[in-house]
Amino acid sequence: MKIFISRIIPAAGRQLLLDAGHQITEHAEKRPLTQEELLHYCASQDGFLSVGHSGLNETFFRRCSQLRGVALMSAGYDQVD
């Protein structure tokens, strides 16, 4: 499964995904992604790990409907509509 991660995660988490056979792409810059960047990166992925506040709204879920899974690595879920 190809997974996009919106920020760098701890090495142990990254290794768990790799050991499970997943291909991962991490957004390595310190700045948050714009909505268009997030849509672009997730368009070709099977899964998305949202780290922090990504603003997952109706547009995101409509345009990234191919995603088989979305996970949050944050406190709360108020950024998901």
Protein backbone atom coordinates (compact mmCIF):
# COMPACT_ATOMS: atom_id res chain seq x y z
CA MET A 1 0.00 0.00 0.00
CA LYS A 2 1.28 3.48 -0.84
CA ILE A 3 0.85 5.85 2.09
CA PHE A 4 1.33 9.61 2.23
CA ILE A 5 2.31 11.12 5.59
CA SER A 6 1.72 14.85 6.03
CA ARG A 7 4.76 15.41 8.30
CA ILE A 8 7.85 13.54 9.41
CA ILE A 9 6.96 10.91 12.02
CA PRO A 10 9.23 9.18 14.54
CA ALA A 11 11.60 6.62 13.04
CA ALA A 12 9.94 3.75 14.91
CA GLY A 13 6.57 4.49 13.30
CA ARG A 14 8.13 4.84 9.88
CA GLN A 15 9.92 1.50 10.31
CA LEU A 16 6.71 -0.27 11.35
CA LEU A 17 5.06 0.82 8.11
CA LEU A 18 8.07 -0.17 6.01
CA ASP A 19 8.38 -3.56 7.75
CA ALA A 20 4.71 -4.20 6.95
CA GLY A 21 5.54 -3.74 3.26
CA HIS A 22 4.09 -0.27 2.75
CA GLN A 23 5.65 2.37 0.50
CA ILE A 24 5.67 5.70 2.29
CA THR A 25 6.10 9.29 1.21
CA GLU A 26 6.58 11.94 3.91
CA HIS A 27 6.19 15.69 3.58
CA ALA A 28 9.60 16.69 4.96
CA GLU A 29 9.27 20.48 5.05
CA LYS A 30 8.50 22.29 8.32
CA ARG A 31 5.66 24.30 6.76
CA PRO A 32 2.16 22.86 6.59
CA LEU A 33 0.80 21.69 3.24
CA THR A 34 -1.69 23.81 1.38
CA GLN A 35 -5.01 22.19 0.52
CA GLU A 36 -3.97 21.88 -3.13
CA GLU A 37 -0.64 20.27 -2.21
CA LEU A 38 -2.42 17.80 0.06
CA LEU A 39 -4.85 16.90 -2.72
CA HIS A 40 -1.98 16.51 -5.19
CA TYR A 41 0.06 14.20 -2.96
CA CYS A 42 -2.90 12.08 -1.85
CA ALA A 43 -4.31 11.64 -5.36
CA SER A 44 -1.86 8.84 -6.17
CA GLN A 45 -1.88 7.12 -2.76
CA ASP A 46 -3.81 4.27 -1.16
CA GLY A 47 -3.64 5.62 2.39
CA PHE A 48 -3.09 8.89 4.22
CA LEU A 49 -1.64 9.50 7.68
CA SER A 50 -2.58 13.00 8.76
CA VAL A 51 -0.09 14.33 11.30
CA GLY A 52 -1.34 17.47 13.01
CA HIS A 53 -3.99 19.61 11.37
CA SER A 54 -4.58 18.83 7.70
CA GLY A 55 -8.13 20.12 7.33
CA LEU A 56 -9.82 17.04 5.89
CA ASN A 57 -13.05 18.38 4.45
CA GLU A 58 -15.67 17.35 1.89
CA THR A 59 -13.44 18.48 -1.00
CA PHE A 60 -10.58 16.31 0.24
CA PHE A 61 -12.72 13.18 0.58
CA ARG A 62 -14.45 13.77 -2.76
CA ARG A 63 -11.21 14.30 -4.70
CA CYS A 64 -9.30 11.53 -2.89
CA SER A 65 -12.04 8.92 -2.94
CA GLN A 66 -9.54 6.24 -3.99
CA LEU A 67 -7.99 6.27 -0.49
CA ARG A 68 -8.52 2.96 1.25
CA GLY A 69 -7.69 4.37 4.67
CA VAL A 70 -7.18 7.66 6.49
CA ALA A 71 -5.56 7.81 9.93
CA LEU A 72 -5.01 10.70 12.31
CA MET A 73 -1.91 11.22 14.45
CA SER A 74 -3.15 14.14 16.49
CA ALA A 75 -5.16 15.10 19.54
CA GLY A 76 -8.83 15.14 18.69
CA TYR A 77 -10.60 14.98 15.35
CA ASP A 78 -11.95 18.53 14.94
CA GLN A 79 -10.03 18.94 11.69
CA VAL A 80 -12.10 16.23 9.97
CA ASP A 81 -15.45 17.23 8.45
